Amino acid sequence: MRLPTDLEKRLMDEVYTLERNVTMPYVTSAERFGIEKGLQQGLLQGRQEGRQEGEAALLQSLLARRFGALPDSVRIRLDGATVEQLESWAIKVLDAQSLDEIFDQG
């Protein structure tokens, strides 16, 4: 099927006008590398934050089960801790007789 000549010309004029008004940005190799690096860093940071949050939540549950309701100061400390601190404290849960034993030795 073919458009009538006047409609085909009108269509082509509209397409050319659209192409002139809409420019596709060119991404250089350096920009693409930067974008990919930023995405990788964002994913890594997201994983690290997720791991920290998960370990903090698990440790909070273990501490509450072992020692009862936790003071706000302990929750705040857990939320601000590094993954390494959380792992160290989690190991201490097995032998500690009090919350002080877990946090004062670390």
PDB file of N, CA and C in Angstrom:
ATOM      1  N   MET A   1       0.838  -1.171   0.000  1.00  0.00           N
ATOM      2  CA  MET A   1       0.000   0.000   0.000  1.00  0.00           C
ATOM      3  C   MET A   1       0.885   1.236   0.000  1.00  0.00           C
ATOM      4  N   ARG A   2       0.547   2.171  -0.756  1.00  0.00           N
ATOM      5  CA  ARG A   2       1.328   3.404  -0.889  1.00  0.00           C
ATOM      6  C   ARG A   2       0.442   4.596  -0.564  1.00  0.00           C
ATOM      7  N   LEU A   3       1.051   5.561   0.153  1.00  0.00           N
ATOM      8  CA  LEU A   3       0.316   6.784   0.472  1.00  0.00           C
ATOM      9  C   LEU A   3       0.214   7.664  -0.768  1.00  0.00           C
ATOM     10  N   PRO A   4      -0.822   8.450  -0.832  1.00  0.00           N
ATOM     11  CA  PRO A   4      -0.878   9.443  -1.905  1.00  0.00           C
ATOM     12  C   PRO A   4       0.329  10.384  -1.781  1.00  0.00           C
ATOM     13  N   THR A   5       0.786  10.915  -2.862  1.00  0.00           N
ATOM     14  CA  THR A   5       1.999  11.724  -2.919  1.00  0.00           C
ATOM     15  C   THR A   5       1.977  12.876  -1.928  1.00  0.00           C
ATOM     16  N   ASP A   6       0.894  13.598  -1.822  1.00  0.00           N
ATOM     17  CA  ASP A   6       0.831  14.728  -0.900  1.00  0.00           C
ATOM     18  C   ASP A   6       0.921  14.285   0.561  1.00  0.00           C
ATOM     19  N   LEU A   7       0.309  13.136   0.889  1.00  0.00           N
ATOM     20  CA  LEU A   7       0.409  12.621   2.259  1.00  0.00           C
ATOM     21  C   LEU A   7       1.806  12.080   2.549  1.00  0.00           C
ATOM     22  N   GLU A   8       2.434  11.442   1.563  1.00  0.00           N
ATOM     23  CA  GLU A   8       3.795  10.932   1.747  1.00  0.00           C
ATOM     24  C   GLU A   8       4.762  12.088   1.998  1.00  0.00           C
ATOM     25  N   LYS A   9       4.612  13.163   1.225  1.00  0.00           N
ATOM     26  CA  LYS A   9       5.462  14.345   1.401  1.00  0.00           C
ATOM     27  C   LYS A   9       5.242  14.955   2.796  1.00  0.00           C
ATOM     28  N   ARG A  10       3.995  15.043   3.188  1.00  0.00           N
ATOM     29  CA  ARG A  10       3.671  15.587   4.515  1.00  0.00           C
ATOM     30  C   ARG A  10       4.263  14.718   5.628  1.00  0.00           C
ATOM     31  N   LEU A  11       4.174  13.405   5.465  1.00  0.00           N
ATOM     32  CA  LEU A  11       4.748  12.480   6.443  1.00  0.00           C
ATOM     33  C   LEU A  11       6.259  12.674   6.544  1.00  0.00           C
ATOM     34  N   MET A  12       6.934  12.750   5.407  1.00  0.00           N
ATOM     35  CA  MET A  12       8.381  12.914   5.404  1.00  0.00           C
ATOM     36  C   MET A  12       8.783  14.248   6.029  1.00  0.00           C
ATOM     37  N   ASP A  13       8.029  15.291   5.765  1.00  0.00           N
ATOM     38  CA  ASP A  13       8.298  16.592   6.378  1.00  0.00           C
ATOM     39  C   ASP A  13       8.183  16.501   7.905  1.00  0.00           C
ATOM     40  N   GLU A  14       7.163  15.815   8.360  1.00  0.00           N
ATOM     41  CA  GLU A  14       6.965  15.647   9.814  1.00  0.00           C
ATOM     42  C   GLU A  14       8.111  14.842  10.428  1.00  0.00           C
ATOM     43  N   VAL A  15       8.544  13.784   9.748  1.00  0.00           N
ATOM     44  CA  VAL A  15       9.651  12.958  10.244  1.00  0.00           C
ATOM     45  C   VAL A  15      10.926  13.790  10.317  1.00  0.00           C
ATOM     46  N   TYR A  16      11.242  14.558   9.287  1.00  0.00           N
ATOM     47  CA  TYR A  16      12.444  15.391   9.282  1.00  0.00           C
ATOM     48  C   TYR A  16      12.385  16.441  10.390  1.00  0.00           C
ATOM     49  N   THR A  17      11.220  17.043  10.582  1.00  0.00           N
ATOM     50  CA  THR A  17      11.052  18.040  11.639  1.00  0.00           C
ATOM     51  C   THR A  17      11.287  17.395  13.008  1.00  0.00           C
ATOM     52  N   LEU A  18      10.732  16.237  13.199  1.00  0.00           N
ATOM     53  CA  LEU A  18      10.917  15.521  14.464  1.00  0.00           C
ATOM     54  C   LEU A  18      12.382  15.192  14.699  1.00  0.00           C
ATOM     55  N   GLU A  19      13.058  14.709  13.657  1.00  0.00           N
ATOM     56  CA  GLU A  19      14.470  14.356  13.793  1.00  0.00           C
ATOM     57  C   GLU A  19      15.329  15.577  14.121  1.00  0.00           C
ATOM     58  N   ARG A  20      15.001  16.734  13.558  1.00  0.00           N
ATOM     59  CA  ARG A  20      15.766  17.943  13.852  1.00  0.00           C
ATOM     60  C   ARG A  20      15.549  18.408  15.290  1.00  0.00           C
ATOM     61  N   ASN A  21      14.344  18.231  15.797  1.00  0.00           N
ATOM     62  CA  ASN A  21      14.006  18.712  17.140  1.00  0.00           C
ATOM     63  C   ASN A  21      14.428  17.762  18.254  1.00  0.00           C
ATOM     64  N   VAL A  22      14.570  16.509  17.937  1.00  0.00           N
ATOM     65  CA  VAL A  22      14.939  15.518  18.942  1.00  0.00           C
ATOM     66  C   VAL A  22      16.345  15.040  18.621  1.00  0.00           C
ATOM     67  N   THR A  23      17.291  15.411  19.479  1.00  0.00           N
ATOM     68  CA  THR A  23      18.663  14.977  19.248  1.00  0.00           C
ATOM     69  C   THR A  23      18.986  13.853  20.210  1.00  0.00           C
ATOM     70  N   MET A  24      19.645  12.866  19.698  1.00  0.00           N
ATOM     71  CA  MET A  24      20.065  11.742  20.527  1.00  0.00           C
ATOM     72  C   MET A  24      21.439  12.071  21.099  1.00  0.00           C
ATOM     73  N   PRO A  25      21.568  12.060  22.402  1.00  0.00           N
ATOM     74  CA  PRO A  25      22.870  12.389  22.983  1.00  0.00           C
ATOM     75  C   PRO A  25      23.893  11.301  22.668  1.00  0.00           C
ATOM     76  N   TYR A  26      25.085  11.729  22.385  1.00  0.00           N
ATOM     77  CA  TYR A  26      26.179  10.801  22.124  1.00  0.00           C
ATOM     78  C   TYR A  26      26.930  10.588  23.422  1.00  0.00           C
ATOM     79  N   VAL A  27      27.153   9.358  23.769  1.00  0.00           N
ATOM     80  CA  VAL A  27      27.869   9.034  24.994  1.00  0.00           C
ATOM     81  C   VAL A  27      29.264   8.582  24.601  1.00  0.00           C
ATOM     82  N   THR A  28      30.261   9.294  25.104  1.00  0.00           N
ATOM     83  CA  THR A  28      31.636   8.941  24.792  1.00  0.00           C
ATOM     84  C   THR A  28      32.040   7.691  25.550  1.00  0.00           C
ATOM     85  N   SER A  29      33.132   7.097  25.142  1.00  0.00           N
ATOM     86  CA  SER A  29      33.635   5.908  25.838  1.00  0.00           C
ATOM     87  C   SER A  29      33.958   6.224  27.291  1.00  0.00           C
ATOM     88  N   ALA A  30      34.534   7.389  27.521  1.00  0.00           N
ATOM     89  CA  ALA A  30      34.875   7.786  28.889  1.00  0.00           C
ATOM     90  C   ALA A  30      33.612   7.942  29.734  1.00  0.00           C
ATOM     91  N   GLU A  31      32.575   8.551  29.155  1.00  0.00           N
ATOM     92  CA  GLU A  31      31.315   8.698  29.883  1.00  0.00           C
ATOM     93  C   GLU A  31      30.694   7.341  30.171  1.00  0.00           C
ATOM     94  N   ARG A  32      30.717   6.464  29.179  1.00  0.00           N
ATOM     95  CA  ARG A  32      30.161   5.125  29.358  1.00  0.00           C
ATOM     96  C   ARG A  32      30.917   4.379  30.457  1.00  0.00           C
ATOM     97  N   PHE A  33      32.258   4.507  30.452  1.00  0.00           N
ATOM     98  CA  PHE A  33      33.074   3.869  31.485  1.00  0.00           C
ATOM     99  C   PHE A  33      32.699   4.421  32.859  1.00  0.00           C
ATOM    100  N   GLY A  34      32.534   5.743  32.942  1.00  0.00           N
ATOM    101  CA  GLY A  34      32.158   6.362  34.212  1.00  0.00           C
ATOM    102  C   GLY A  34      30.794   5.902  34.695  1.00  0.00           C
ATOM    103  N   ILE A  35      29.861   5.790  33.766  1.00  0.00           N
ATOM    104  CA  ILE A  35      28.515   5.325  34.121  1.00  0.00           C
ATOM    105  C   ILE A  35      28.571   3.894  34.638  1.00  0.00           C
ATOM    106  N   GLU A  36      29.301   3.039  33.932  1.00  0.00           N
ATOM    107  CA  GLU A  36      29.407   1.634  34.355  1.00  0.00           C
ATOM    108  C   GLU A  36      30.097   1.516  35.710  1.00  0.00           C
ATOM    109  N   LYS A  37      31.164   2.306  35.901  1.00  0.00           N
ATOM    110  CA  LYS A  37      31.871   2.276  37.182  1.00  0.00           C
ATOM    111  C   LYS A  37      30.955   2.746  38.312  1.00  0.00           C
ATOM    112  N   GLY A  38      30.187   3.809  38.046  1.00  0.00           N
ATOM    113  CA  GLY A  38      29.249   4.302  39.055  1.00  0.00           C
ATOM    114  C   GLY A  38      28.189   3.270  39.402  1.00  0.00           C
ATOM    115  N   LEU A  39      27.676   2.568  38.388  1.00  0.00           N
ATOM    116  CA  LEU A  39      26.690   1.518  38.644  1.00  0.00           C
ATOM    117  C   LEU A  39      27.281   0.398  39.479  1.00  0.00           C
ATOM    118  N   GLN A  40      28.516  -0.001  39.157  1.00  0.00           N
ATOM    119  CA  GLN A  40      29.172  -1.065  39.922  1.00  0.00           C
ATOM    120  C   GLN A  40      29.379  -0.643  41.368  1.00  0.00           C
ATOM    121  N   GLN A  41      29.824   0.599  41.566  1.00  0.00           N
ATOM    122  CA  GLN A  41      30.024   1.089  42.928  1.00  0.00           C
ATOM    123  C   GLN A  41      28.702   1.152  43.681  1.00  0.00           C
ATOM    124  N   GLY A  42      27.653   1.574  42.998  1.00  0.00           N
ATOM    125  CA  GLY A  42      26.337   1.630  43.634  1.00  0.00           C
ATOM    126  C   GLY A  42      25.839   0.261  44.042  1.00  0.00           C
ATOM    127  N   LEU A  43      26.040  -0.726  43.167  1.00  0.00           N
ATOM    128  CA  LEU A  43      25.639  -2.094  43.503  1.00  0.00           C
ATOM    129  C   LEU A  43      26.433  -2.622  44.677  1.00  0.00           C
ATOM    130  N   LEU A  44      27.733  -2.389  44.675  1.00  0.00           N
ATOM    131  CA  LEU A  44      28.578  -2.854  45.774  1.00  0.00           C
ATOM    132  C   LEU A  44      28.166  -2.206  47.089  1.00  0.00           C
ATOM    133  N   GLN A  45      27.929  -0.895  47.044  1.00  0.00           N
ATOM    134  CA  GLN A  45      27.508  -0.193  48.252  1.00  0.00           C
ATOM    135  C   GLN A  45      26.150  -0.706  48.726  1.00  0.00           C
ATOM    136  N   GLY A  46      25.245  -0.954  47.801  1.00  0.00           N
ATOM    137  CA  GLY A  46      23.930  -1.482  48.162  1.00  0.00           C
ATOM    138  C   GLY A  46      24.021  -2.851  48.815  1.00  0.00           C
ATOM    139  N   ARG A  47      24.887  -3.689  48.266  1.00  0.00           N
ATOM    140  CA  ARG A  47      25.078  -5.021  48.868  1.00  0.00           C
ATOM    141  C   ARG A  47      25.644  -4.907  50.279  1.00  0.00           C
ATOM    142  N   GLN A  48      26.640  -4.017  50.437  1.00  0.00           N
ATOM    143  CA  GLN A  48      27.268  -3.838  51.747  1.00  0.00           C
ATOM    144  C   GLN A  48      26.246  -3.328  52.761  1.00  0.00           C
ATOM    145  N   GLU A  49      25.437  -2.351  52.353  1.00  0.00           N
ATOM    146  CA  GLU A  49      24.421  -1.818  53.260  1.00  0.00           C
ATOM    147  C   GLU A  49      23.384  -2.889  53.594  1.00  0.00           C
ATOM    148  N   GLY A  50      22.995  -3.679  52.607  1.00  0.00           N
ATOM    149  CA  GLY A  50      22.041  -4.756  52.843  1.00  0.00           C
ATOM    150  C   GLY A  50      22.599  -5.790  53.799  1.00  0.00           C
ATOM    151  N   ARG A  51      23.860  -6.108  53.627  1.00  0.00           N
ATOM    152  CA  ARG A  51      24.501  -7.086  54.516  1.00  0.00           C
ATOM    153  C   ARG A  51      24.555  -6.540  55.945  1.00  0.00           C
ATOM    154  N   GLN A  52      24.939  -5.270  56.075  1.00  0.00           N
ATOM    155  CA  GLN A  52      25.011  -4.659  57.402  1.00  0.00           C
ATOM    156  C   GLN A  52      23.649  -4.648  58.062  1.00  0.00           C
ATOM    157  N   GLU A  53      22.622  -4.264  57.325  1.00  0.00           N
ATOM    158  CA  GLU A  53      21.269  -4.218  57.886  1.00  0.00           C
ATOM    159  C   GLU A  53      20.791  -5.606  58.283  1.00  0.00           C
ATOM    160  N   GLY A  54      21.080  -6.596  57.455  1.00  0.00           N
ATOM    161  CA  GLY A  54      20.662  -7.967  57.755  1.00  0.00           C
ATOM    162  C   GLY A  54      21.353  -8.514  58.993  1.00  0.00           C
ATOM    163  N   GLU A  55      22.645  -8.288  59.080  1.00  0.00           N
ATOM    164  CA  GLU A  55      23.389  -8.784  60.248  1.00  0.00           C
ATOM    165  C   GLU A  55      22.962  -8.044  61.518  1.00  0.00           C
ATOM    166  N   ALA A  56      22.702  -6.755  61.398  1.00  0.00           N
ATOM    167  CA  ALA A  56      22.254  -5.989  62.567  1.00  0.00           C
ATOM    168  C   ALA A  56      20.896  -6.497  63.043  1.00  0.00           C
ATOM    169  N   ALA A  57      20.002  -6.776  62.103  1.00  0.00           N
ATOM    170  CA  ALA A  57      18.669  -7.270  62.470  1.00  0.00           C
ATOM    171  C   ALA A  57      18.762  -8.647  63.120  1.00  0.00           C
ATOM    172  N   LEU A  58      19.597  -9.517  62.564  1.00  0.00           N
ATOM    173  CA  LEU A  58      19.766 -10.848  63.140  1.00  0.00           C
ATOM    174  C   LEU A  58      20.373 -10.770  64.535  1.00  0.00           C
ATOM    175  N   LEU A  59      21.404  -9.959  64.699  1.00  0.00           N
ATOM    176  CA  LEU A  59      22.035  -9.827  66.015  1.00  0.00           C
ATOM    177  C   LEU A  59      21.060  -9.225  67.022  1.00  0.00           C
ATOM    178  N   GLN A  60      20.271  -8.262  66.576  1.00  0.00           N
ATOM    179  CA  GLN A  60      19.273  -7.673  67.479  1.00  0.00           C
ATOM    180  C   GLN A  60      18.290  -8.744  67.950  1.00  0.00           C
ATOM    181  N   SER A  61      17.866  -9.613  67.055  1.00  0.00           N
ATOM    182  CA  SER A  61      16.951 -10.693  67.425  1.00  0.00           C
ATOM    183  C   SER A  61      17.603 -11.660  68.401  1.00  0.00           C
ATOM    184  N   LEU A  62      18.845 -12.012  68.149  1.00  0.00           N
ATOM    185  CA  LEU A  62      19.555 -12.934  69.042  1.00  0.00           C
ATOM    186  C   LEU A  62      19.731 -12.323  70.428  1.00  0.00           C
ATOM    187  N   LEU A  63      20.119 -11.050  70.460  1.00  0.00           N
ATOM    188  CA  LEU A  63      20.316 -10.391  71.752  1.00  0.00           C
ATOM    189  C   LEU A  63      19.006 -10.280  72.521  1.00  0.00           C
ATOM    190  N   ALA A  64      17.937  -9.933  71.838  1.00  0.00           N
ATOM    191  CA  ALA A  64      16.636  -9.808  72.507  1.00  0.00           C
ATOM    192  C   ALA A  64      16.173 -11.159  73.028  1.00  0.00           C
ATOM    193  N   ARG A  65      16.415 -12.193  72.262  1.00  0.00           N
ATOM    194  CA  ARG A  65      16.009 -13.537  72.711  1.00  0.00           C
ATOM    195  C   ARG A  65      16.810 -13.956  73.937  1.00  0.00           C
ATOM    196  N   ARG A  66      18.092 -13.622  73.933  1.00  0.00           N
ATOM    197  CA  ARG A  66      18.972 -14.047  75.027  1.00  0.00           C
ATOM    198  C   ARG A  66      18.832 -13.181  76.270  1.00  0.00           C
ATOM    199  N   PHE A  67      18.694 -11.851  76.085  1.00  0.00           N
ATOM    200  CA  PHE A  67      18.750 -10.944  77.224  1.00  0.00           C
ATOM    201  C   PHE A  67      17.463 -10.154  77.456  1.00  0.00           C
ATOM    202  N   GLY A  68      16.437 -10.373  76.640  1.00  0.00           N
ATOM    203  CA  GLY A  68      15.188  -9.637  76.813  1.00  0.00           C
ATOM    204  C   GLY A  68      15.202  -8.333  76.026  1.00  0.00           C
ATOM    205  N   ALA A  69      14.266  -7.463  76.369  1.00  0.00           N
ATOM    206  CA  ALA A  69      14.121  -6.187  75.653  1.00  0.00           C
ATOM    207  C   ALA A  69      15.431  -5.411  75.659  1.00  0.00           C
ATOM    208  N   LEU A  70      15.790  -4.879  74.506  1.00  0.00           N
ATOM    209  CA  LEU A  70      17.056  -4.170  74.361  1.00  0.00           C
ATOM    210  C   LEU A  70      16.865  -2.672  74.556  1.00  0.00           C
ATOM    211  N   PRO A  71      17.811  -2.046  75.246  1.00  0.00           N
ATOM    212  CA  PRO A  71      17.726  -0.585  75.378  1.00  0.00           C
ATOM    213  C   PRO A  71      17.968   0.087  74.021  1.00  0.00           C
ATOM    214  N   ASP A  72      17.463   1.288  73.875  1.00  0.00           N
ATOM    215  CA  ASP A  72      17.648   2.027  72.627  1.00  0.00           C
ATOM    216  C   ASP A  72      19.123   2.218  72.296  1.00  0.00           C
ATOM    217  N   SER A  73      19.956   2.381  73.321  1.00  0.00           N
ATOM    218  CA  SER A  73      21.389   2.597  73.074  1.00  0.00           C
ATOM    219  C   SER A  73      22.006   1.404  72.348  1.00  0.00           C
ATOM    220  N   VAL A  74      21.544   0.201  72.638  1.00  0.00           N
ATOM    221  CA  VAL A  74      22.054  -0.986  71.958  1.00  0.00           C
ATOM    222  C   VAL A  74      21.573  -1.007  70.513  1.00  0.00           C
ATOM    223  N   ARG A  75      20.312  -0.693  70.291  1.00  0.00           N
ATOM    224  CA  ARG A  75      19.788  -0.656  68.921  1.00  0.00           C
ATOM    225  C   ARG A  75      20.539   0.370  68.066  1.00  0.00           C
ATOM    226  N   ILE A  76      20.796   1.521  68.643  1.00  0.00           N
ATOM    227  CA  ILE A  76      21.525   2.573  67.927  1.00  0.00           C
ATOM    228  C   ILE A  76      22.942   2.099  67.610  1.00  0.00           C
ATOM    229  N   ARG A  77      23.557   1.444  68.567  1.00  0.00           N
ATOM    230  CA  ARG A  77      24.917   0.928  68.353  1.00  0.00           C
ATOM    231  C   ARG A  77      24.943  -0.122  67.247  1.00  0.00           C
ATOM    232  N   LEU A  78      23.940  -0.980  67.218  1.00  0.00           N
ATOM    233  CA  LEU A  78      23.864  -2.003  66.170  1.00  0.00           C
ATOM    234  C   LEU A  78      23.675  -1.367  64.799  1.00  0.00           C
ATOM    235  N   ASP A  79      22.804  -0.366  64.728  1.00  0.00           N
ATOM    236  CA  ASP A  79      22.527   0.291  63.449  1.00  0.00           C
ATOM    237  C   ASP A  79      23.752   1.004  62.883  1.00  0.00           C
ATOM    238  N   GLY A  80      24.624   1.492  63.752  1.00  0.00           N
ATOM    239  CA  GLY A  80      25.799   2.222  63.293  1.00  0.00           C
ATOM    240  C   GLY A  80      27.056   1.384  63.173  1.00  0.00           C
ATOM    241  N   ALA A  81      26.952   0.097  63.462  1.00  0.00           N
ATOM    242  CA  ALA A  81      28.136  -0.766  63.484  1.00  0.00           C
ATOM    243  C   ALA A  81      28.544  -1.226  62.088  1.00  0.00           C
ATOM    244  N   THR A  82      29.803  -1.554  61.965  1.00  0.00           N
ATOM    245  CA  THR A  82      30.303  -2.152  60.731  1.00  0.00           C
ATOM    246  C   THR A  82      29.957  -3.638  60.720  1.00  0.00           C
ATOM    247  N   VAL A  83      30.070  -4.239  59.566  1.00  0.00           N
ATOM    248  CA  VAL A  83      29.816  -5.674  59.452  1.00  0.00           C
ATOM    249  C   VAL A  83      30.787  -6.445  60.344  1.00  0.00           C
ATOM    250  N   GLU A  84      32.027  -5.998  60.387  1.00  0.00           N
ATOM    251  CA  GLU A  84      33.035  -6.686  61.214  1.00  0.00           C
ATOM    252  C   GLU A  84      32.678  -6.619  62.700  1.00  0.00           C
ATOM    253  N   GLN A  85      32.220  -5.456  63.166  1.00  0.00           N
ATOM    254  CA  GLN A  85      31.802  -5.325  64.566  1.00  0.00           C
ATOM    255  C   GLN A  85      30.620  -6.247  64.859  1.00  0.00           C
ATOM    256  N   LEU A  86      29.646  -6.257  63.958  1.00  0.00           N
ATOM    257  CA  LEU A  86      28.465  -7.086  64.155  1.00  0.00           C
ATOM    258  C   LEU A  86      28.846  -8.563  64.247  1.00  0.00           C
ATOM    259  N   GLU A  87      29.752  -9.000  63.384  1.00  0.00           N
ATOM    260  CA  GLU A  87      30.181 -10.399  63.414  1.00  0.00           C
ATOM    261  C   GLU A  87      30.904 -10.720  64.716  1.00  0.00           C
ATOM    262  N   SER A  88      31.733  -9.801  65.171  1.00  0.00           N
ATOM    263  CA  SER A  88      32.450  -9.996  66.435  1.00  0.00           C
ATOM    264  C   SER A  88      31.479 -10.097  67.605  1.00  0.00           C
ATOM    265  N   TRP A  89      30.508  -9.203  67.637  1.00  0.00           N
ATOM    266  CA  TRP A  89      29.520  -9.240  68.717  1.00  0.00           C
ATOM    267  C   TRP A  89      28.659 -10.495  68.642  1.00  0.00           C
ATOM    268  N   ALA A  90      28.327 -10.924  67.447  1.00  0.00           N
ATOM    269  CA  ALA A  90      27.482 -12.121  67.284  1.00  0.00           C
ATOM    270  C   ALA A  90      28.160 -13.350  67.868  1.00  0.00           C
ATOM    271  N   ILE A  91      29.457 -13.456  67.692  1.00  0.00           N
ATOM    272  CA  ILE A  91      30.193 -14.596  68.251  1.00  0.00           C
ATOM    273  C   ILE A  91      30.152 -14.549  69.778  1.00  0.00           C
ATOM    274  N   LYS A  92      30.219 -13.358  70.354  1.00  0.00           N
ATOM    275  CA  LYS A  92      30.205 -13.203  71.802  1.00  0.00           C
ATOM    276  C   LYS A  92      28.860 -13.579  72.423  1.00  0.00           C
ATOM    277  N   VAL A  93      27.793 -13.555  71.620  1.00  0.00           N
ATOM    278  CA  VAL A  93      26.463 -13.891  72.142  1.00  0.00           C
ATOM    279  C   VAL A  93      26.455 -15.297  72.734  1.00  0.00           C
ATOM    280  N   LEU A  94      27.247 -16.178  72.179  1.00  0.00           N
ATOM    281  CA  LEU A  94      27.253 -17.578  72.620  1.00  0.00           C
ATOM    282  C   LEU A  94      27.726 -17.743  74.060  1.00  0.00           C
ATOM    283  N   ASP A  95      28.662 -16.902  74.492  1.00  0.00           N
ATOM    284  CA  ASP A  95      29.255 -17.083  75.818  1.00  0.00           C
ATOM    285  C   ASP A  95      28.927 -15.990  76.826  1.00  0.00           C
ATOM    286  N   ALA A  96      28.458 -14.852  76.363  1.00  0.00           N
ATOM    287  CA  ALA A  96      28.246 -13.711  77.251  1.00  0.00           C
ATOM    288  C   ALA A  96      27.103 -13.955  78.221  1.00  0.00           C
ATOM    289  N   GLN A  97      27.266 -13.422  79.421  1.00  0.00           N
ATOM    290  CA  GLN A  97      26.226 -13.520  80.438  1.00  0.00           C
ATOM    291  C   GLN A  97      25.407 -12.226  80.525  1.00  0.00           C
ATOM    292  N   SER A  98      25.889 -11.176  79.868  1.00  0.00           N
ATOM    293  CA  SER A  98      25.182  -9.891  79.875  1.00  0.00           C
ATOM    294  C   SER A  98      25.505  -9.116  78.604  1.00  0.00           C
ATOM    295  N   LEU A  99      24.699  -8.083  78.340  1.00  0.00           N
ATOM    296  CA  LEU A  99      24.973  -7.213  77.204  1.00  0.00           C
ATOM    297  C   LEU A  99      26.311  -6.502  77.349  1.00  0.00           C
ATOM    298  N   ASP A 100      26.645  -6.145  78.593  1.00  0.00           N
ATOM    299  CA  ASP A 100      27.914  -5.450  78.825  1.00  0.00           C
ATOM    300  C   ASP A 100      29.098  -6.290  78.374  1.00  0.00           C
ATOM    301  N   GLU A 101      29.036  -7.584  78.565  1.00  0.00           N
ATOM    302  CA  GLU A 101      30.148  -8.464  78.151  1.00  0.00           C
ATOM    303  C   GLU A 101      30.321  -8.447  76.632  1.00  0.00           C
ATOM    304  N   ILE A 102      29.249  -8.294  75.923  1.00  0.00           N
ATOM    305  CA  ILE A 102      29.339  -8.287  74.467  1.00  0.00           C
ATOM    306  C   ILE A 102      29.949  -6.990  73.970  1.00  0.00           C
ATOM    307  N   PHE A 103      29.510  -5.865  74.490  1.00  0.00           N
ATOM    308  CA  PHE A 103      29.909  -4.579  73.941  1.00  0.00           C
ATOM    309  C   PHE A 103      31.119  -3.956  74.621  1.00  0.00           C
ATOM    310  N   ASP A 104      31.411  -4.271  75.862  1.00  0.00           N
ATOM    311  CA  ASP A 104      32.521  -3.638  76.547  1.00  0.00           C
ATOM    312  C   ASP A 104      33.870  -4.225  76.170  1.00  0.00           C
ATOM    313  N   GLN A 105      33.900  -5.435  75.657  1.00  0.00           N
ATOM    314  CA  GLN A 105      35.184  -6.056  75.316  1.00  0.00           C
ATOM    315  C   GLN A 105      35.603  -5.763  73.884  1.00  0.00           C
ATOM    316  N   GLY A 106      34.760  -5.097  73.064  1.00  0.00           N
ATOM    317  CA  GLY A 106      35.040  -4.946  71.659  1.00  0.00           C
ATOM    318  C   GLY A 106      35.576  -3.653  71.262  1.00  0.00           C
TER     319      GLY A 106
END
